[in-house]
C-alpha atoms as a PDB file:
ATOM      1  CA  UNK A   1      -0.025  -0.024   0.013  1.00  0.00           C
ATOM      2  CA  UNK A   2       2.907   2.382   0.671  1.00  0.00           C
ATOM      3  CA  UNK A   3       4.279   1.886  -2.835  1.00  0.00           C
ATOM      4  CA  UNK A   4       0.832   2.724  -4.253  1.00  0.00           C
ATOM      5  CA  UNK A   5       0.629   5.831  -2.089  1.00  0.00           C
ATOM      6  CA  UNK A   6       4.089   6.983  -3.247  1.00  0.00           C
ATOM      7  CA  UNK A   7       3.130   6.425  -6.888  1.00  0.00           C
ATOM      8  CA  UNK A   8      -0.030   8.493  -6.374  1.00  0.00           C
ATOM      9  CA  UNK A   9       1.996  11.276  -4.762  1.00  0.00           C
ATOM     10  CA  UNK A  10       4.283  11.202  -7.865  1.00  0.00           C
ATOM     11  CA  UNK A  11       1.165  11.554 -10.050  1.00  0.00           C
ATOM     12  CA  UNK A  12       0.204  14.722  -8.053  1.00  0.00           C
ATOM     13  CA  UNK A  13       3.710  16.095  -8.093  1.00  0.00           C
ATOM     14  CA  UNK A  14       3.094  18.775 -10.777  1.00  0.00           C
ATOM     15  CA  UNK A  15       0.197  20.153  -8.761  1.00  0.00           C
ATOM     16  CA  UNK A  16       2.311  20.133  -5.555  1.00  0.00           C
ATOM     17  CA  UNK A  17       5.124  21.980  -7.386  1.00  0.00           C
ATOM     18  CA  UNK A  18       2.568  24.598  -8.569  1.00  0.00           C
ATOM     19  CA  UNK A  19       1.373  25.045  -5.002  1.00  0.00           C
ATOM     20  CA  UNK A  20       4.912  25.481  -3.699  1.00  0.00           C
ATOM     21  CA  UNK A  21       5.656  28.140  -6.421  1.00  0.00           C
ATOM     22  CA  UNK A  22       2.331  29.838  -5.675  1.00  0.00           C
ATOM     23  CA  UNK A  23       3.161  29.950  -1.976  1.00  0.00           C
ATOM     24  CA  UNK A  24       6.561  31.443  -2.686  1.00  0.00           C
ATOM     25  CA  UNK A  25       5.015  34.142  -4.945  1.00  0.00           C
ATOM     26  CA  UNK A  26       2.341  34.993  -2.362  1.00  0.00           C
ATOM     27  CA  UNK A  27       4.859  35.154   0.476  1.00  0.00           C
ATOM     28  CA  UNK A  28       7.419  37.209  -1.413  1.00  0.00           C
ATOM     29  CA  UNK A  29       5.076  39.610  -3.223  1.00  0.00           C
ATOM     30  CA  UNK A  30       2.125  39.560  -0.768  1.00  0.00           C
ATOM     31  CA  UNK A  31       3.109  42.817   0.877  1.00  0.00           C
ATOM     32  CA  UNK A  32       2.476  44.698  -2.371  1.00  0.00           C
ATOM     33  CA  UNK A  33      -1.017  43.121  -2.894  1.00  0.00           C
ATOM     34  CA  UNK A  34      -4.256  44.013  -1.209  1.00  0.00           C
ATOM     35  CA  UNK A  35      -4.889  41.996   1.913  1.00  0.00           C
ATOM     36  CA  UNK A  36      -8.047  40.427   0.436  1.00  0.00           C
ATOM     37  CA  UNK A  37      -6.124  39.159  -2.539  1.00  0.00           C
ATOM     38  CA  UNK A  38      -3.483  37.575  -0.350  1.00  0.00           C
ATOM     39  CA  UNK A  39      -6.122  35.881   1.814  1.00  0.00           C
ATOM     40  CA  UNK A  40      -7.934  34.541  -1.202  1.00  0.00           C
ATOM     41  CA  UNK A  41      -4.670  33.285  -2.718  1.00  0.00           C
ATOM     42  CA  UNK A  42      -3.745  31.476   0.558  1.00  0.00           C
ATOM     43  CA  UNK A  43      -7.261  29.936   0.754  1.00  0.00           C
ATOM     44  CA  UNK A  44      -6.861  28.832  -2.878  1.00  0.00           C
ATOM     45  CA  UNK A  45      -3.480  27.213  -2.164  1.00  0.00           C
ATOM     46  CA  UNK A  46      -4.923  25.524   0.926  1.00  0.00           C
ATOM     47  CA  UNK A  47      -7.927  24.155  -0.950  1.00  0.00           C
ATOM     48  CA  UNK A  48      -5.592  22.898  -3.697  1.00  0.00           C
ATOM     49  CA  UNK A  49      -3.445  21.099  -1.187  1.00  0.00           C
ATOM     50  CA  UNK A  50      -6.633  19.591   0.321  1.00  0.00           C
ATOM     51  CA  UNK A  51      -7.651  18.434  -3.137  1.00  0.00           C
ATOM     52  CA  UNK A  52      -4.254  16.788  -3.677  1.00  0.00           C
ATOM     53  CA  UNK A  53      -4.445  15.045  -0.291  1.00  0.00           C
ATOM     54  CA  UNK A  54      -7.977  13.823  -0.964  1.00  0.00           C
ATOM     55  CA  UNK A  55      -6.975  12.673  -4.427  1.00  0.00           C
ATOM     56  CA  UNK A  56      -3.983  10.715  -3.179  1.00  0.00           C
ATOM     57  CA  UNK A  57      -6.068   9.115  -0.378  1.00  0.00           C
ATOM     58  CA  UNK A  58      -8.787   8.201  -2.888  1.00  0.00           C
ATOM     59  CA  UNK A  59      -6.420   6.772  -5.482  1.00  0.00           C
ATOM     60  CA  UNK A  60      -4.706   4.721  -2.789  1.00  0.00           C
ATOM     61  CA  UNK A  61      -7.844   3.415  -1.076  1.00  0.00           C
ATOM     62  CA  UNK A  62     -10.222   2.985  -3.987  1.00  0.00           C
ATOM     63  CA  UNK A  63      -8.759  -0.218  -5.524  1.00  0.00           C
ATOM     64  CA  UNK A  64      -9.040  -1.951  -2.113  1.00  0.00           C
ATOM     65  CA  UNK A  65     -12.575  -0.643  -1.576  1.00  0.00           C
ATOM     66  CA  UNK A  66     -13.615  -1.835  -5.036  1.00  0.00           C
ATOM     67  CA  UNK A  67     -12.039  -5.307  -4.480  1.00  0.00           C
ATOM     68  CA  UNK A  68     -13.826  -5.660  -1.125  1.00  0.00           C
ATOM     69  CA  UNK A  69     -17.154  -4.559  -2.713  1.00  0.00           C
ATOM     70  CA  UNK A  70     -16.671  -7.051  -5.515  1.00  0.00           C
ATOM     71  CA  UNK A  71     -15.915  -9.946  -3.141  1.00  0.00           C
ATOM     72  CA  UNK A  72     -19.002  -9.142  -1.040  1.00  0.00           C
ATOM     73  CA  UNK A  73     -21.090  -9.514  -4.228  1.00  0.00           C
ATOM     74  CA  UNK A  74     -22.053  -5.891  -4.444  1.00  0.00           C
ATOM     75  CA  UNK A  75     -23.075  -4.941  -7.930  1.00  0.00           C
ATOM     76  CA  UNK A  76     -20.814  -3.123 -10.316  1.00  0.00           C
ATOM     77  CA  UNK A  77     -23.404  -0.366 -10.185  1.00  0.00           C
ATOM     78  CA  UNK A  78     -22.611   0.404  -6.565  1.00  0.00           C
ATOM     79  CA  UNK A  79     -18.883   0.363  -7.293  1.00  0.00           C
ATOM     80  CA  UNK A  80     -19.518   2.796 -10.180  1.00  0.00           C
ATOM     81  CA  UNK A  81     -21.668   4.941  -7.930  1.00  0.00           C
ATOM     82  CA  UNK A  82     -18.842   5.098  -5.336  1.00  0.00           C
ATOM     83  CA  UNK A  83     -16.412   6.294  -8.007  1.00  0.00           C
ATOM     84  CA  UNK A  84     -18.981   8.825  -9.347  1.00  0.00           C
ATOM     85  CA  UNK A  85     -19.494  10.361  -5.932  1.00  0.00           C
ATOM     86  CA  UNK A  86     -15.792  10.506  -5.268  1.00  0.00           C
ATOM     87  CA  UNK A  87     -15.192  12.187  -8.614  1.00  0.00           C
ATOM     88  CA  UNK A  88     -17.885  14.764  -7.868  1.00  0.00           C
ATOM     89  CA  UNK A  89     -16.393  15.585  -4.508  1.00  0.00           C
ATOM     90  CA  UNK A  90     -12.879  15.890  -5.861  1.00  0.00           C
ATOM     91  CA  UNK A  91     -14.055  18.012  -8.777  1.00  0.00           C
ATOM     92  CA  UNK A  92     -16.002  20.376  -6.513  1.00  0.00           C
ATOM     93  CA  UNK A  93     -12.950  20.847  -4.273  1.00  0.00           C
ATOM     94  CA  UNK A  94     -10.807  21.546  -7.344  1.00  0.00           C
ATOM     95  CA  UNK A  95     -13.337  24.011  -8.688  1.00  0.00           C
ATOM     96  CA  UNK A  96     -13.492  25.873  -5.326  1.00  0.00           C
ATOM     97  CA  UNK A  97      -9.686  26.209  -5.377  1.00  0.00           C
ATOM     98  CA  UNK A  98      -9.710  27.457  -8.915  1.00  0.00           C
ATOM     99  CA  UNK A  99     -12.487  29.934  -8.156  1.00  0.00           C
ATOM    100  CA  UNK A 100     -10.475  31.251  -5.193  1.00  0.00           C
ATOM    101  CA  UNK A 101      -7.510  31.818  -7.559  1.00  0.00           C
ATOM    102  CA  UNK A 102      -9.714  33.827  -9.928  1.00  0.00           C
ATOM    103  CA  UNK A 103     -11.091  35.869  -7.048  1.00  0.00           C
ATOM    104  CA  UNK A 104      -7.597  36.576  -5.754  1.00  0.00           C
ATOM    105  CA  UNK A 105      -6.559  37.849  -9.147  1.00  0.00           C
ATOM    106  CA  UNK A 106      -9.767  39.945  -9.425  1.00  0.00           C
ATOM    107  CA  UNK A 107      -9.167  41.395  -5.955  1.00  0.00           C
ATOM    108  CA  UNK A 108      -5.668  42.454  -6.919  1.00  0.00           C
ATOM    109  CA  UNK A 109      -6.788  44.176 -10.141  1.00  0.00           C
ATOM    110  CA  UNK A 110      -6.863  47.924 -10.057  1.00  0.00           C
ATOM    111  CA  UNK A 111      -9.453  49.858 -12.095  1.00  0.00           C
ATOM    112  CA  UNK A 112      -8.203  51.206 -15.354  1.00  0.00           C
ATOM    113  CA  UNK A 113      -7.062  54.833 -15.356  1.00  0.00           C
ATOM    114  CA  UNK A 114      -9.222  56.595 -18.010  1.00  0.00           C
ATOM    115  CA  UNK A 115      -6.531  59.209 -18.591  1.00  0.00           C
ATOM    116  CA  UNK A 116      -3.875  56.582 -19.299  1.00  0.00           C
ATOM    117  CA  UNK A 117      -6.090  54.806 -21.811  1.00  0.00           C
ATOM    118  CA  UNK A 118      -7.389  57.826 -23.586  1.00  0.00           C
ATOM    119  CA  UNK A 119      -6.129  58.497 -27.108  1.00  0.00           C
ATOM    120  CA  UNK A 120      -3.715  61.350 -27.683  1.00  0.00           C
ATOM    121  CA  UNK A 121      -0.425  62.422 -26.258  1.00  0.00           C
ATOM    122  CA  UNK A 122       0.585  64.686 -23.451  1.00  0.00           C
ATOM    123  CA  UNK A 123      -2.518  64.574 -21.283  1.00  0.00           C
ATOM    124  CA  UNK A 124      -1.419  64.092 -17.735  1.00  0.00           C
ATOM    125  CA  UNK A 125      -3.270  61.578 -15.600  1.00  0.00           C
ATOM    126  CA  UNK A 126      -6.240  63.272 -13.960  1.00  0.00           C
ATOM    127  CA  UNK A 127      -6.012  66.336 -16.243  1.00  0.00           C
ATOM    128  CA  UNK A 128      -9.281  67.708 -17.566  1.00  0.00           C
ATOM    129  CA  UNK A 129      -7.462  69.515 -20.325  1.00  0.00           C
ATOM    130  CA  UNK A 130      -7.268  68.089 -23.866  1.00  0.00           C
ATOM    131  CA  UNK A 131      -3.998  66.467 -24.833  1.00  0.00           C
ATOM    132  CA  UNK A 132      -2.797  69.359 -27.021  1.00  0.00           C
ATOM    133  CA  UNK A 133      -3.119  71.825 -24.150  1.00  0.00           C
ATOM    134  CA  UNK A 134      -0.609  69.997 -21.911  1.00  0.00           C
ATOM    135  CA  UNK A 135       1.903  68.992 -24.567  1.00  0.00           C
ATOM    136  CA  UNK A 136       5.018  71.192 -24.355  1.00  0.00           C
ATOM    137  CA  UNK A 137       5.167  71.875 -28.101  1.00  0.00           C
ATOM    138  CA  UNK A 138       1.521  72.894 -28.534  1.00  0.00           C
ATOM    139  CA  UNK A 139       0.591  74.333 -25.146  1.00  0.00           C
ATOM    140  CA  UNK A 140      -1.689  77.227 -25.679  1.00  0.00           C
ATOM    141  CA  UNK A 141      -1.872  76.735 -29.437  1.00  0.00           C
ATOM    142  CA  UNK A 142      -5.154  77.027 -31.232  1.00  0.00           C
ATOM    143  CA  UNK A 143      -6.869  73.683 -32.095  1.00  0.00           C
ATOM    144  CA  UNK A 144      -7.012  73.287 -35.861  1.00  0.00           C
ATOM    145  CA  UNK A 145     -10.409  72.854 -37.329  1.00  0.00           C
ATOM    146  CA  UNK A 146     -11.416  70.438 -40.034  1.00  0.00           C
ATOM    147  CA  UNK A 147     -14.172  71.394 -42.492  1.00  0.00           C
ATOM    148  CA  UNK A 148     -17.249  69.219 -42.471  1.00  0.00           C
ATOM    149  CA  UNK A 149     -17.423  66.601 -45.247  1.00  0.00           C
ATOM    150  CA  UNK A 150     -20.558  65.563 -47.145  1.00  0.00           C
ATOM    151  CA  UNK A 151     -22.275  62.835 -45.160  1.00  0.00           C
ATOM    152  CA  UNK A 152     -20.236  63.348 -42.011  1.00  0.00           C
ATOM    153  CA  UNK A 153     -21.120  65.598 -39.066  1.00  0.00           C
ATOM    154  CA  UNK A 154     -18.846  68.473 -38.225  1.00  0.00           C
ATOM    155  CA  UNK A 155     -16.268  67.748 -35.532  1.00  0.00           C
ATOM    156  CA  UNK A 156     -17.200  68.919 -32.044  1.00  0.00           C
ATOM    157  CA  UNK A 157     -15.208  69.684 -28.914  1.00  0.00           C
ATOM    158  CA  UNK A 158     -16.322  66.359 -27.458  1.00  0.00           C
ATOM    159  CA  UNK A 159     -14.988  64.259 -30.330  1.00  0.00           C
ATOM    160  CA  UNK A 160     -11.805  66.229 -31.060  1.00  0.00           C
ATOM    161  CA  UNK A 161     -10.752  67.585 -34.466  1.00  0.00           C
ATOM    162  CA  UNK A 162      -9.373  64.361 -35.810  1.00  0.00           C
ATOM    163  CA  UNK A 163     -11.573  61.682 -34.143  1.00  0.00           C
ATOM    164  CA  UNK A 164     -13.893  59.833 -36.516  1.00  0.00           C
ATOM    165  CA  UNK A 165     -17.543  60.346 -35.652  1.00  0.00           C
ATOM    166  CA  UNK A 166     -20.520  58.156 -36.478  1.00  0.00           C
ATOM    167  CA  UNK A 167     -21.995  59.093 -39.838  1.00  0.00           C
ATOM    168  CA  UNK A 168     -25.691  59.808 -40.234  1.00  0.00           C
ATOM    169  CA  UNK A 169     -27.934  56.925 -41.190  1.00  0.00           C
ATOM    170  CA  UNK A 170     -28.012  56.264 -44.954  1.00  0.00           C
ATOM    171  CA  UNK A 171     -24.660  57.873 -45.690  1.00  0.00           C
ATOM    172  CA  UNK A 172     -23.207  54.607 -46.957  1.00  0.00           C
ATOM    173  CA  UNK A 173     -20.504  54.359 -44.296  1.00  0.00           C
ATOM    174  CA  UNK A 174     -17.785  53.119 -44.502  1.00  0.00           C
ATOM    175  CA  UNK A 175     -17.953  54.115 -48.174  1.00  0.00           C
ATOM    176  CA  UNK A 176     -19.257  57.660 -48.533  1.00  0.00           C
ATOM    177  CA  UNK A 177     -21.772  58.209 -51.361  1.00  0.00           C
ATOM    178  CA  UNK A 178     -19.087  59.760 -53.595  1.00  0.00           C
ATOM    179  CA  UNK A 179     -16.932  56.577 -53.448  1.00  0.00           C
ATOM    180  CA  UNK A 180     -19.637  54.230 -54.649  1.00  0.00           C
END
């Protein structure tokens, strides 16, 4: 039975290595993460270790249980039911561990900075000014205007002078009527 248990631990070795690496990452970088994220990561690692232990115990004991059930003339249906229930339990535990990992990542995520993702150059984070107003080469310069084109609305201050706007219905966008 000891040899079978060692073989089953060897089967679970990749998961155990992942848990050790995860624990090292959480312990070394945990101080820079939100507390909730660290707690969820530790819970995820603990649930994963529990799943490995349950899996090793089940893989070690199940052949003996099945042989005893077979000798006591239990039907193959009851043996199959036993394996089905064990698989459900192990999969639920694995799913909880994986869910905790996802929640740990989500708890560590920071909301996107709209200023950092806005198009343009030179807008400082948190600045209410348009990008051209804060760029050193164009600070204070007048914003060039673009004449309205047939089938396209005139640019506005909300869209910027070079931003494409939605054309009116029936204009043939993306091909203007003149390009047909």
